[in-house]
Amino acid sequence: MTALPKSSSTHMTVDEFLAFAETAPGKWELVDGEPVAMAPANTTHGAIQNEVGRLIANALLEKGAPCSVIIEAGVIPRVFSKGNVRVPDLSVVCGDYKTKRKVLTEPTVLIEILSISNVYKTRANVWAYTSIPSVKEIAVFYGDEICADILRRLPNGDWPEEPERVRSGDARFESIDVRFPVASAYRTTDLVEERR
């Protein structure tokens, strides 16, 4: 097992963390200088993550859009950037990302799946994502009900005080011109049966 590196302070830099994460077992995030292990997702979380990724990727492919869906890639928030590498469930990147970088530098859309056990972490990540200049939309799909919260950057660059909450109808991602019925993200979960 890989041990956490010793340093003169209790905090890791992004570079120290990326070197550590390369050989450490499991998945990790760097939160305010502290490496944090990420627990494996439950099956509902994984099913929603897969469906949302598939729905977006298929729509992008159909349009011939120069965008890709990336699963669990690291991103560095602009706020406290020297001590943070957050890992959204899904990222959409438009343009060339195929480099040997260990993190995405210009994601357009970031998506999280919200579980009851990770509400605080997810909300903290959403706040951090709003500081990334390239990010136009952030979505949180709930893991315990058919619902998505979508934050969309305003024309002046600010973020709205409250997200658009979608319980029925389409989840819309205007920055990449993709929309799909929010319920389709839950197609392979028990939540669809519960709603009937």
Protein backbone atom coordinates (compact mmCIF):
# COMPACT_ATOMS: atom_id res chain seq x y z
CA MET A 1 0.00 0.00 0.00
CA THR A 2 1.25 3.47 -0.88
CA ALA A 3 1.77 5.69 2.12
CA LEU A 4 0.91 9.35 2.20
CA PRO A 5 4.08 11.33 1.50
CA LYS A 6 5.83 13.11 4.34
CA SER A 7 6.35 16.81 3.91
CA SER A 8 7.30 19.75 6.08
CA SER A 9 3.65 20.74 6.30
CA THR A 10 0.47 18.73 6.61
CA HIS A 11 -0.73 19.89 3.19
CA MET A 12 0.11 18.58 -0.27
CA THR A 13 0.56 20.68 -3.35
CA VAL A 14 -1.17 19.68 -6.59
CA ASP A 15 2.11 18.31 -7.97
CA GLU A 16 2.77 16.25 -4.80
CA PHE A 17 -0.78 14.94 -4.92
CA LEU A 18 -0.64 13.97 -8.62
CA ALA A 19 2.61 12.04 -8.00
CA PHE A 20 1.03 10.32 -4.98
CA ALA A 21 -2.24 9.49 -6.79
CA GLU A 22 -0.37 7.84 -9.67
CA THR A 23 0.66 4.91 -7.46
CA ALA A 24 -1.88 5.04 -4.63
CA PRO A 25 -4.55 2.34 -4.61
CA GLY A 26 -8.13 3.52 -5.11
CA LYS A 27 -9.36 6.95 -6.11
CA TRP A 28 -8.39 10.19 -4.41
CA GLU A 29 -9.18 13.91 -4.43
CA LEU A 30 -7.11 16.75 -3.05
CA VAL A 31 -9.30 18.99 -0.91
CA ASP A 32 -7.64 22.11 0.49
CA GLY A 33 -4.26 20.36 0.55
CA GLU A 34 -5.52 17.14 2.14
CA PRO A 35 -5.71 13.90 0.10
CA VAL A 36 -9.15 12.35 0.55
CA ALA A 37 -9.96 8.77 -0.45
CA MET A 38 -13.09 8.39 -2.57
CA ALA A 39 -15.39 5.52 -1.64
CA PRO A 40 -16.64 3.24 -4.42
CA ALA A 41 -19.98 4.33 -5.85
CA ASN A 42 -23.11 2.32 -5.15
CA THR A 43 -24.91 0.68 -8.08
CA THR A 44 -27.56 3.41 -8.41
CA HIS A 45 -24.86 6.09 -8.54
CA GLY A 46 -22.92 4.09 -11.15
CA ALA A 47 -26.03 3.46 -13.26
CA ILE A 48 -26.98 7.17 -13.30
CA GLN A 49 -23.39 8.17 -14.07
CA ASN A 50 -23.27 5.72 -16.97
CA GLU A 51 -26.64 6.76 -18.42
CA VAL A 52 -25.94 10.50 -18.23
CA GLY A 53 -22.54 9.98 -19.85
CA ARG A 54 -24.06 7.80 -22.59
CA LEU A 55 -26.90 10.22 -23.30
CA ILE A 56 -24.56 13.18 -23.63
CA ALA A 57 -21.93 11.28 -25.63
CA ASN A 58 -24.52 9.91 -28.07
CA ALA A 59 -26.01 13.39 -28.60
CA LEU A 60 -22.56 14.89 -29.19
CA LEU A 61 -21.67 12.13 -31.64
CA GLU A 62 -24.93 12.58 -33.54
CA LYS A 63 -24.23 16.32 -33.90
CA GLY A 64 -20.59 15.80 -34.82
CA ALA A 65 -19.67 18.13 -31.97
CA PRO A 66 -15.98 18.45 -31.10
CA CYS A 67 -16.70 17.53 -27.47
CA SER A 68 -16.02 14.43 -25.39
CA VAL A 69 -17.40 13.01 -22.15
CA ILE A 70 -14.69 12.05 -19.67
CA ILE A 71 -15.37 9.95 -16.57
CA GLU A 72 -13.81 10.94 -13.24
CA ALA A 73 -11.03 13.19 -14.54
CA GLY A 74 -9.44 15.65 -12.15
CA VAL A 75 -10.06 19.38 -12.43
CA ILE A 76 -8.31 22.22 -10.60
CA PRO A 77 -10.55 24.99 -9.28
CA ARG A 78 -9.23 28.52 -9.64
CA VAL A 79 -9.96 29.16 -5.93
CA PHE A 80 -7.19 27.66 -3.76
CA SER A 81 -5.73 26.13 -6.92
CA LYS A 82 -2.44 25.09 -5.34
CA GLY A 83 -4.16 22.65 -2.98
CA ASN A 84 -7.17 21.28 -4.84
CA VAL A 85 -7.81 18.58 -7.42
CA ARG A 86 -11.52 17.76 -7.48
CA VAL A 87 -12.94 14.77 -9.35
CA PRO A 88 -16.42 15.24 -10.87
CA ASP A 89 -18.31 12.13 -11.91
CA LEU A 90 -18.42 13.36 -15.52
CA SER A 91 -16.82 16.18 -17.47
CA VAL A 92 -17.54 17.43 -20.96
CA VAL A 93 -14.55 18.90 -22.75
CA CYS A 94 -14.84 20.70 -26.08
CA GLY A 95 -11.66 20.92 -28.08
CA ASP A 96 -8.38 19.09 -27.67
CA TYR A 97 -7.92 17.40 -24.32
CA LYS A 98 -5.83 14.46 -25.57
CA THR A 99 -2.61 15.42 -23.88
CA LYS A 100 -0.58 13.73 -21.22
CA ARG A 101 -1.87 16.13 -18.58
CA LYS A 102 -3.16 14.50 -15.44
CA VAL A 103 -6.08 16.92 -15.10
CA LEU A 104 -8.54 18.60 -17.45
CA THR A 105 -7.67 22.24 -17.90
CA GLU A 106 -10.75 23.59 -19.72
CA PRO A 107 -13.91 21.58 -19.01
CA THR A 108 -17.17 23.05 -20.31
CA VAL A 109 -19.72 21.01 -18.30
CA LEU A 110 -19.19 19.25 -14.97
CA ILE A 111 -21.63 16.69 -13.57
CA GLU A 112 -21.99 15.12 -10.15
CA ILE A 113 -24.26 12.33 -8.93
CA LEU A 114 -25.58 13.19 -5.47
CA SER A 115 -25.78 10.44 -2.87
CA ILE A 116 -27.13 10.91 0.65
CA SER A 117 -23.70 9.97 1.98
CA ASN A 118 -21.87 12.67 -0.03
CA VAL A 119 -24.14 15.73 0.04
CA TYR A 120 -21.60 18.00 1.76
CA LYS A 121 -18.73 16.89 -0.50
CA THR A 122 -20.80 17.30 -3.66
CA ARG A 123 -21.99 20.79 -2.67
CA ALA A 124 -18.41 21.80 -1.81
CA ASN A 125 -17.24 20.53 -5.21
CA VAL A 126 -19.99 22.45 -7.03
CA TRP A 127 -18.87 25.64 -5.29
CA ALA A 128 -15.26 24.94 -6.34
CA TYR A 129 -16.29 24.23 -9.95
CA THR A 130 -17.89 27.66 -10.28
CA SER A 131 -14.41 29.18 -10.03
CA ILE A 132 -13.15 27.42 -13.21
CA PRO A 133 -13.38 30.03 -16.00
CA SER A 134 -14.16 27.56 -18.81
CA VAL A 135 -17.10 25.91 -17.01
CA LYS A 136 -20.45 27.01 -18.42
CA GLU A 137 -22.80 24.51 -16.71
CA ILE A 138 -22.77 22.30 -13.63
CA ALA A 139 -25.36 19.59 -13.06
CA VAL A 140 -26.15 17.50 -10.02
CA PHE A 141 -28.28 14.40 -10.61
CA TYR A 142 -29.87 13.10 -7.41
CA GLY A 143 -29.22 9.49 -6.44
CA ASP A 144 -32.41 8.99 -4.42
CA GLU A 145 -35.05 10.56 -6.68
CA ILE A 146 -35.53 11.53 -10.33
CA CYS A 147 -34.27 15.10 -10.16
CA ALA A 148 -31.41 17.23 -11.45
CA ASP A 149 -30.19 20.66 -10.43
CA ILE A 150 -28.55 22.57 -13.26
CA LEU A 151 -26.50 25.71 -12.77
CA ARG A 152 -25.87 27.73 -15.92
CA ARG A 153 -23.35 30.60 -16.03
CA LEU A 154 -25.07 33.91 -16.79
CA PRO A 155 -24.03 36.06 -19.79
CA ASN A 156 -22.15 38.43 -17.45
CA GLY A 157 -20.08 35.51 -16.09
CA ASP A 158 -21.86 35.26 -12.74
CA TRP A 159 -23.72 32.19 -11.49
CA PRO A 160 -27.40 32.23 -10.50
CA GLU A 161 -28.25 32.08 -6.81
CA GLU A 162 -30.34 28.94 -7.31
CA PRO A 163 -30.09 26.12 -9.85
CA GLU A 164 -32.79 25.16 -12.31
CA ARG A 165 -34.45 22.13 -10.70
CA VAL A 166 -35.67 19.53 -13.22
CA ARG A 167 -37.99 16.76 -11.98
CA SER A 168 -39.73 16.09 -15.29
CA GLY A 169 -39.17 17.24 -18.83
CA ASP A 170 -35.71 17.76 -20.27
CA ALA A 171 -32.34 18.28 -18.67
CA ARG A 172 -30.83 20.97 -20.92
CA PHE A 173 -27.16 21.69 -21.45
CA GLU A 174 -27.19 24.86 -23.52
CA SER A 175 -23.40 25.23 -23.78
CA ILE A 176 -23.12 21.96 -25.71
CA ASP A 177 -26.62 22.01 -27.26
CA VAL A 178 -27.69 18.72 -25.63
CA ARG A 179 -31.01 17.89 -24.01
CA PHE A 180 -32.67 14.68 -22.89
CA PRO A 181 -35.59 13.69 -20.64
CA VAL A 182 -34.30 13.77 -17.08
CA ALA A 183 -36.05 10.44 -16.39
CA SER A 184 -33.92 8.75 -19.07
CA ALA A 185 -30.88 9.21 -16.83
CA TYR A 186 -32.57 6.85 -14.35
CA ARG A 187 -33.59 4.21 -16.94
CA THR A 188 -31.63 1.37 -15.32
CA THR A 189 -32.44 2.21 -11.68
CA ASP A 190 -35.25 1.25 -9.31
CA LEU A 191 -36.22 4.94 -9.12
CA VAL A 192 -38.13 4.64 -12.40
CA GLU A 193 -40.33 1.92 -10.91
CA GLU A 194 -40.86 3.94 -7.71
CA ARG A 195 -42.20 6.90 -9.71
CA ARG A 196 -44.92 4.82 -11.44
